[in-house]
Amino acid sequence: MPRPRSLAPDQLASAALAVLDREGLAGLSMRAVAKELGMSTMGLYRYVRDRGELERLVVELVLEAVDTEPPDPATAWRERITVLVRRMRDTVGAHPAVVPLVIAHRHHSLGVLRWSETVLVVLDEAGVVGERRVVALRALLAHLTGAIQLEHLGPLAGPGTAAISALSPDDFPHMAETARAARAVDPDREFLGGLGMLLDGLEASGGTGGVSC
């Protein structure tokens, strides 16, 4: 007979998150998490079926910390969307290696589902409905996940920007000029600037202001 379980799901998820934060996604394995817990790999299989289940536990651990309460309804829809997006960015951005797992397991994550439900409520109240609401939600998720990964894997302050700024202006005039300007853009300005452009587009296309699309 197997021994009684003695580890809670949060303990397993915390160990896996520690591995992710330290070694990145490539370092996440059943063996690495078992070692983090001070147990054998086979012992870990008493708690989870496979790595996929472990990944889902990590996603839930991280995302359960996201505040999904609706922002003040007295504020403008753009401000409410910005508040919700920043909440997700701040929480997930603290563990950038988790981003690919959020994408892979978003349909099973209560954290993602609750956050998305609140975003959809705000969009609905702004008059964004039907297919446009689908596209709007996907665009917000894409900006979130893409921006977090770029910020940590290819930041504007990194060597890539410096290398591009040194390109020959004869061959790549726009790339070189843009890279030189990019060195003055901090992560918050980059993230919020991109979000603002997305919301500008949504507003300009007639999807807000209480008018159905």
C-alpha atoms as a PDB file:
ATOM      1  CA  MET A   1       0.000   0.000   0.000  1.00  0.00           C
ATOM      2  CA  PRO A   2       1.325   3.526  -0.760  1.00  0.00           C
ATOM      3  CA  ARG A   3       2.228   5.686   2.179  1.00  0.00           C
ATOM      4  CA  PRO A   4      -0.226   8.472   3.127  1.00  0.00           C
ATOM      5  CA  ARG A   5       0.322  11.725   1.304  1.00  0.00           C
ATOM      6  CA  SER A   6       2.180  14.275   3.379  1.00  0.00           C
ATOM      7  CA  LEU A   7       2.715  17.166   0.952  1.00  0.00           C
ATOM      8  CA  ALA A   8       0.051  19.698   0.034  1.00  0.00           C
ATOM      9  CA  PRO A   9      -0.331  20.902  -3.584  1.00  0.00           C
ATOM     10  CA  ASP A  10       0.967  24.351  -2.618  1.00  0.00           C
ATOM     11  CA  GLN A  11       4.177  22.779  -1.317  1.00  0.00           C
ATOM     12  CA  LEU A  12       4.705  20.966  -4.612  1.00  0.00           C
ATOM     13  CA  ALA A  13       3.957  24.122  -6.571  1.00  0.00           C
ATOM     14  CA  SER A  14       6.303  26.222  -4.416  1.00  0.00           C
ATOM     15  CA  ALA A  15       9.142  23.763  -5.013  1.00  0.00           C
ATOM     16  CA  ALA A  16       8.519  23.769  -8.760  1.00  0.00           C
ATOM     17  CA  LEU A  17       8.368  27.573  -8.768  1.00  0.00           C
ATOM     18  CA  ALA A  18      11.688  27.740  -6.933  1.00  0.00           C
ATOM     19  CA  VAL A  19      13.225  25.575  -9.671  1.00  0.00           C
ATOM     20  CA  LEU A  20      11.701  27.760 -12.384  1.00  0.00           C
ATOM     21  CA  ASP A  21      12.903  30.997 -10.810  1.00  0.00           C
ATOM     22  CA  ARG A  22      16.406  29.618 -10.383  1.00  0.00           C
ATOM     23  CA  GLU A  23      16.914  27.530 -13.530  1.00  0.00           C
ATOM     24  CA  GLY A  24      14.282  28.683 -16.001  1.00  0.00           C
ATOM     25  CA  LEU A  25      11.753  26.612 -17.881  1.00  0.00           C
ATOM     26  CA  ALA A  26      14.398  24.314 -19.342  1.00  0.00           C
ATOM     27  CA  GLY A  27      15.418  23.304 -15.833  1.00  0.00           C
ATOM     28  CA  LEU A  28      11.949  22.229 -14.740  1.00  0.00           C
ATOM     29  CA  SER A  29      11.712  18.454 -14.441  1.00  0.00           C
ATOM     30  CA  MET A  30      10.244  15.890 -12.111  1.00  0.00           C
ATOM     31  CA  ARG A  31      13.756  15.056 -10.958  1.00  0.00           C
ATOM     32  CA  ALA A  32      14.656  18.682 -10.217  1.00  0.00           C
ATOM     33  CA  VAL A  33      11.467  19.273  -8.237  1.00  0.00           C
ATOM     34  CA  ALA A  34      11.904  16.030  -6.312  1.00  0.00           C
ATOM     35  CA  LYS A  35      15.413  17.118  -5.400  1.00  0.00           C
ATOM     36  CA  GLU A  36      14.071  20.506  -4.278  1.00  0.00           C
ATOM     37  CA  LEU A  37      11.671  18.654  -1.981  1.00  0.00           C
ATOM     38  CA  GLY A  38      14.350  16.282  -0.705  1.00  0.00           C
ATOM     39  CA  MET A  39      12.660  13.176  -2.054  1.00  0.00           C
ATOM     40  CA  SER A  40      13.111  10.629  -4.810  1.00  0.00           C
ATOM     41  CA  THR A  41      11.726  11.184  -8.294  1.00  0.00           C
ATOM     42  CA  MET A  42       9.506   8.138  -7.917  1.00  0.00           C
ATOM     43  CA  GLY A  43       8.252   9.533  -4.635  1.00  0.00           C
ATOM     44  CA  LEU A  44       7.066  12.672  -6.441  1.00  0.00           C
ATOM     45  CA  TYR A  45       4.881  10.541  -8.685  1.00  0.00           C
ATOM     46  CA  ARG A  46       2.764   9.724  -5.638  1.00  0.00           C
ATOM     47  CA  TYR A  47       1.571  13.326  -5.756  1.00  0.00           C
ATOM     48  CA  VAL A  48       1.405  14.249  -9.452  1.00  0.00           C
ATOM     49  CA  ARG A  49       0.899  12.162 -12.573  1.00  0.00           C
ATOM     50  CA  ASP A  50       3.396  13.992 -14.755  1.00  0.00           C
ATOM     51  CA  ARG A  51       5.137  17.279 -15.453  1.00  0.00           C
ATOM     52  CA  GLY A  52       1.978  18.698 -17.009  1.00  0.00           C
ATOM     53  CA  GLU A  53       0.111  18.402 -13.724  1.00  0.00           C
ATOM     54  CA  LEU A  54       3.045  19.996 -11.941  1.00  0.00           C
ATOM     55  CA  GLU A  55       2.983  22.893 -14.397  1.00  0.00           C
ATOM     56  CA  ARG A  56      -0.708  23.481 -13.745  1.00  0.00           C
ATOM     57  CA  LEU A  57      -0.064  23.615 -10.002  1.00  0.00           C
ATOM     58  CA  VAL A  58       2.628  26.263 -10.536  1.00  0.00           C
ATOM     59  CA  VAL A  59       0.358  28.360 -12.741  1.00  0.00           C
ATOM     60  CA  GLU A  60      -2.373  28.278 -10.117  1.00  0.00           C
ATOM     61  CA  LEU A  61       0.044  29.174  -7.330  1.00  0.00           C
ATOM     62  CA  VAL A  62       1.242  32.260  -9.191  1.00  0.00           C
ATOM     63  CA  LEU A  63      -2.088  33.400 -10.571  1.00  0.00           C
ATOM     64  CA  GLU A  64      -4.110  32.966  -7.410  1.00  0.00           C
ATOM     65  CA  ALA A  65      -2.247  36.053  -6.184  1.00  0.00           C
ATOM     66  CA  VAL A  66      -3.688  38.218  -8.980  1.00  0.00           C
ATOM     67  CA  ASP A  67      -6.364  40.612  -7.763  1.00  0.00           C
ATOM     68  CA  THR A  68      -9.363  39.956 -10.026  1.00  0.00           C
ATOM     69  CA  GLU A  69     -11.799  42.256  -8.259  1.00  0.00           C
ATOM     70  CA  PRO A  70     -13.417  44.712 -10.708  1.00  0.00           C
ATOM     71  CA  PRO A  71     -11.798  48.169 -10.541  1.00  0.00           C
ATOM     72  CA  ASP A  72     -13.859  51.175  -9.519  1.00  0.00           C
ATOM     73  CA  PRO A  73     -16.811  51.307 -11.969  1.00  0.00           C
ATOM     74  CA  ALA A  74     -16.809  55.088 -11.698  1.00  0.00           C
ATOM     75  CA  THR A  75     -13.532  55.268 -13.616  1.00  0.00           C
ATOM     76  CA  ALA A  76     -13.193  55.191 -17.396  1.00  0.00           C
ATOM     77  CA  TRP A  77     -13.112  51.804 -19.116  1.00  0.00           C
ATOM     78  CA  ARG A  78      -9.522  52.352 -20.319  1.00  0.00           C
ATOM     79  CA  GLU A  79      -8.326  52.984 -16.792  1.00  0.00           C
ATOM     80  CA  ARG A  80     -10.073  49.864 -15.513  1.00  0.00           C
ATOM     81  CA  ILE A  81      -8.532  47.719 -18.252  1.00  0.00           C
ATOM     82  CA  THR A  82      -5.114  49.214 -17.498  1.00  0.00           C
ATOM     83  CA  VAL A  83      -5.502  48.403 -13.802  1.00  0.00           C
ATOM     84  CA  LEU A  84      -6.385  44.776 -14.574  1.00  0.00           C
ATOM     85  CA  VAL A  85      -3.551  44.350 -17.056  1.00  0.00           C
ATOM     86  CA  ARG A  86      -1.022  45.872 -14.659  1.00  0.00           C
ATOM     87  CA  ARG A  87      -2.147  43.553 -11.878  1.00  0.00           C
ATOM     88  CA  MET A  88      -1.463  40.537 -14.076  1.00  0.00           C
ATOM     89  CA  ARG A  89       1.834  41.956 -15.310  1.00  0.00           C
ATOM     90  CA  ASP A  90       3.105  42.691 -11.801  1.00  0.00           C
ATOM     91  CA  THR A  91       2.249  39.194 -10.553  1.00  0.00           C
ATOM     92  CA  VAL A  92       3.423  37.127 -13.510  1.00  0.00           C
ATOM     93  CA  GLY A  93       6.365  39.421 -14.220  1.00  0.00           C
ATOM     94  CA  ALA A  94       7.858  38.438 -10.877  1.00  0.00           C
ATOM     95  CA  HIS A  95       8.237  34.911 -12.325  1.00  0.00           C
ATOM     96  CA  PRO A  96       8.903  35.375 -16.066  1.00  0.00           C
ATOM     97  CA  ALA A  97       9.723  31.693 -16.631  1.00  0.00           C
ATOM     98  CA  VAL A  98       6.083  30.936 -15.817  1.00  0.00           C
ATOM     99  CA  VAL A  99       4.775  32.909 -18.824  1.00  0.00           C
ATOM    100  CA  PRO A 100       4.919  29.999 -21.325  1.00  0.00           C
ATOM    101  CA  LEU A 101       3.114  27.820 -18.783  1.00  0.00           C
ATOM    102  CA  VAL A 102       0.377  30.420 -18.371  1.00  0.00           C
ATOM    103  CA  ILE A 103      -0.148  30.343 -22.129  1.00  0.00           C
ATOM    104  CA  ALA A 104      -0.189  26.546 -22.240  1.00  0.00           C
ATOM    105  CA  HIS A 105      -2.508  26.035 -19.262  1.00  0.00           C
ATOM    106  CA  ARG A 106      -4.675  29.159 -19.377  1.00  0.00           C
ATOM    107  CA  HIS A 107      -7.840  27.142 -20.106  1.00  0.00           C
ATOM    108  CA  HIS A 108      -7.420  25.155 -16.893  1.00  0.00           C
ATOM    109  CA  SER A 109      -6.313  28.013 -14.636  1.00  0.00           C
ATOM    110  CA  LEU A 110      -8.946  29.524 -12.375  1.00  0.00           C
ATOM    111  CA  GLY A 111      -6.697  32.556 -11.982  1.00  0.00           C
ATOM    112  CA  VAL A 112      -6.660  33.244 -15.732  1.00  0.00           C
ATOM    113  CA  LEU A 113     -10.373  32.498 -16.062  1.00  0.00           C
ATOM    114  CA  ARG A 114     -11.329  34.878 -13.244  1.00  0.00           C
ATOM    115  CA  TRP A 115      -9.081  37.638 -14.592  1.00  0.00           C
ATOM    116  CA  SER A 116     -10.434  37.162 -18.114  1.00  0.00           C
ATOM    117  CA  GLU A 117     -14.024  37.214 -16.852  1.00  0.00           C
ATOM    118  CA  THR A 118     -13.441  40.572 -15.171  1.00  0.00           C
ATOM    119  CA  VAL A 119     -11.780  41.987 -18.301  1.00  0.00           C
ATOM    120  CA  LEU A 120     -14.724  40.812 -20.399  1.00  0.00           C
ATOM    121  CA  VAL A 121     -17.172  42.509 -18.036  1.00  0.00           C
ATOM    122  CA  VAL A 122     -15.360  45.823 -18.504  1.00  0.00           C
ATOM    123  CA  LEU A 123     -15.225  45.370 -22.278  1.00  0.00           C
ATOM    124  CA  ASP A 124     -18.905  44.474 -22.348  1.00  0.00           C
ATOM    125  CA  GLU A 125     -19.791  47.610 -20.400  1.00  0.00           C
ATOM    126  CA  ALA A 126     -17.716  49.618 -22.876  1.00  0.00           C
ATOM    127  CA  GLY A 127     -19.760  48.220 -25.764  1.00  0.00           C
ATOM    128  CA  VAL A 128     -17.177  45.751 -27.045  1.00  0.00           C
ATOM    129  CA  VAL A 129     -19.151  42.599 -27.829  1.00  0.00           C
ATOM    130  CA  GLY A 130     -19.216  39.577 -30.125  1.00  0.00           C
ATOM    131  CA  GLU A 131     -16.169  38.808 -32.241  1.00  0.00           C
ATOM    132  CA  ARG A 132     -14.570  42.141 -31.392  1.00  0.00           C
ATOM    133  CA  ARG A 133     -14.563  41.230 -27.726  1.00  0.00           C
ATOM    134  CA  VAL A 134     -12.838  37.946 -28.571  1.00  0.00           C
ATOM    135  CA  VAL A 135     -10.127  39.778 -30.489  1.00  0.00           C
ATOM    136  CA  ALA A 136      -9.769  42.424 -27.781  1.00  0.00           C
ATOM    137  CA  LEU A 137      -9.236  39.850 -25.032  1.00  0.00           C
ATOM    138  CA  ARG A 138      -6.740  37.900 -27.126  1.00  0.00           C
ATOM    139  CA  ALA A 139      -4.876  41.090 -27.975  1.00  0.00           C
ATOM    140  CA  LEU A 140      -4.604  42.038 -24.300  1.00  0.00           C
ATOM    141  CA  LEU A 141      -3.319  38.564 -23.415  1.00  0.00           C
ATOM    142  CA  ALA A 142      -0.850  38.672 -26.299  1.00  0.00           C
ATOM    143  CA  HIS A 143       0.478  42.061 -25.219  1.00  0.00           C
ATOM    144  CA  LEU A 144       0.795  40.880 -21.619  1.00  0.00           C
ATOM    145  CA  THR A 145       2.666  37.658 -22.311  1.00  0.00           C
ATOM    146  CA  GLY A 146       4.777  39.023 -25.133  1.00  0.00           C
ATOM    147  CA  ALA A 147       5.804  42.165 -23.271  1.00  0.00           C
ATOM    148  CA  ILE A 148       6.767  40.250 -20.128  1.00  0.00           C
ATOM    149  CA  GLN A 149       8.975  37.878 -22.110  1.00  0.00           C
ATOM    150  CA  LEU A 150      10.574  40.699 -24.085  1.00  0.00           C
ATOM    151  CA  GLU A 151      11.246  42.674 -20.924  1.00  0.00           C
ATOM    152  CA  HIS A 152      13.153  39.778 -19.363  1.00  0.00           C
ATOM    153  CA  LEU A 153      14.629  38.002 -22.392  1.00  0.00           C
ATOM    154  CA  GLY A 154      15.310  40.943 -24.704  1.00  0.00           C
ATOM    155  CA  PRO A 155      15.106  44.201 -22.740  1.00  0.00           C
ATOM    156  CA  LEU A 156      15.636  47.506 -24.488  1.00  0.00           C
ATOM    157  CA  ALA A 157      18.479  48.176 -22.069  1.00  0.00           C
ATOM    158  CA  GLY A 158      20.199  44.923 -23.120  1.00  0.00           C
ATOM    159  CA  PRO A 159      23.063  44.193 -25.507  1.00  0.00           C
ATOM    160  CA  GLY A 160      20.722  43.596 -28.434  1.00  0.00           C
ATOM    161  CA  THR A 161      19.672  47.232 -28.541  1.00  0.00           C
ATOM    162  CA  ALA A 162      23.283  48.356 -28.329  1.00  0.00           C
ATOM    163  CA  ALA A 163      24.258  46.061 -31.214  1.00  0.00           C
ATOM    164  CA  ILE A 164      21.407  47.278 -33.412  1.00  0.00           C
ATOM    165  CA  SER A 165      22.159  50.938 -32.670  1.00  0.00           C
ATOM    166  CA  ALA A 166      25.686  50.332 -33.985  1.00  0.00           C
ATOM    167  CA  LEU A 167      24.460  49.040 -37.354  1.00  0.00           C
ATOM    168  CA  SER A 168      25.486  50.914 -40.470  1.00  0.00           C
ATOM    169  CA  PRO A 169      23.030  53.768 -41.077  1.00  0.00           C
ATOM    170  CA  ASP A 170      23.496  53.180 -44.796  1.00  0.00           C
ATOM    171  CA  ASP A 171      22.182  49.615 -44.600  1.00  0.00           C
ATOM    172  CA  PHE A 172      19.700  49.870 -41.697  1.00  0.00           C
ATOM    173  CA  PRO A 173      18.917  53.571 -41.146  1.00  0.00           C
ATOM    174  CA  HIS A 174      15.567  53.044 -39.435  1.00  0.00           C
ATOM    175  CA  MET A 175      16.680  50.121 -37.275  1.00  0.00           C
ATOM    176  CA  ALA A 176      19.771  51.995 -36.078  1.00  0.00           C
ATOM    177  CA  GLU A 177      17.854  55.184 -35.341  1.00  0.00           C
ATOM    178  CA  THR A 178      15.058  53.329 -33.551  1.00  0.00           C
ATOM    179  CA  ALA A 179      17.517  51.375 -31.421  1.00  0.00           C
ATOM    180  CA  ARG A 180      19.264  54.571 -30.358  1.00  0.00           C
ATOM    181  CA  ALA A 181      15.924  56.035 -29.276  1.00  0.00           C
ATOM    182  CA  ALA A 182      15.011  52.774 -27.534  1.00  0.00           C
ATOM    183  CA  ARG A 183      17.795  53.154 -25.006  1.00  0.00           C
ATOM    184  CA  ALA A 184      15.804  55.939 -23.344  1.00  0.00           C
ATOM    185  CA  VAL A 185      12.617  53.854 -23.014  1.00  0.00           C
ATOM    186  CA  ASP A 186      12.208  52.132 -19.637  1.00  0.00           C
ATOM    187  CA  PRO A 187      10.153  48.916 -19.172  1.00  0.00           C
ATOM    188  CA  ASP A 188       7.089  50.685 -17.759  1.00  0.00           C
ATOM    189  CA  ARG A 189       6.999  53.182 -20.600  1.00  0.00           C
ATOM    190  CA  GLU A 190       7.396  50.387 -23.144  1.00  0.00           C
ATOM    191  CA  PHE A 191       4.643  48.261 -21.587  1.00  0.00           C
ATOM    192  CA  LEU A 192       2.145  51.039 -20.966  1.00  0.00           C
ATOM    193  CA  GLY A 193       2.902  52.674 -24.303  1.00  0.00           C
ATOM    194  CA  GLY A 194       2.096  49.472 -26.155  1.00  0.00           C
ATOM    195  CA  LEU A 195      -1.049  48.971 -24.086  1.00  0.00           C
ATOM    196  CA  GLY A 196      -2.108  52.551 -24.808  1.00  0.00           C
ATOM    197  CA  MET A 197      -1.720  52.014 -28.548  1.00  0.00           C
ATOM    198  CA  LEU A 198      -3.827  48.861 -28.320  1.00  0.00           C
ATOM    199  CA  LEU A 199      -6.578  50.672 -26.418  1.00  0.00           C
ATOM    200  CA  ASP A 200      -6.362  53.650 -28.797  1.00  0.00           C
ATOM    201  CA  GLY A 201      -7.026  51.289 -31.682  1.00  0.00           C
ATOM    202  CA  LEU A 202      -9.951  49.688 -29.914  1.00  0.00           C
ATOM    203  CA  GLU A 203     -11.439  53.084 -29.126  1.00  0.00           C
ATOM    204  CA  ALA A 204     -10.845  54.527 -32.580  1.00  0.00           C
ATOM    205  CA  SER A 205     -12.510  51.557 -34.262  1.00  0.00           C
ATOM    206  CA  GLY A 206     -15.794  52.386 -32.595  1.00  0.00           C
ATOM    207  CA  GLY A 207     -15.874  49.553 -30.081  1.00  0.00           C
ATOM    208  CA  THR A 208     -16.315  51.627 -26.927  1.00  0.00           C
ATOM    209  CA  GLY A 209     -18.468  54.266 -25.410  1.00  0.00           C
ATOM    210  CA  GLY A 210     -21.427  51.996 -24.817  1.00  0.00           C
ATOM    211  CA  VAL A 211     -22.100  51.380 -28.521  1.00  0.00           C
ATOM    212  CA  SER A 212     -22.398  47.740 -29.559  1.00  0.00           C
ATOM    213  CA  CYS A 213     -20.015  46.489 -32.216  1.00  0.00           C
END
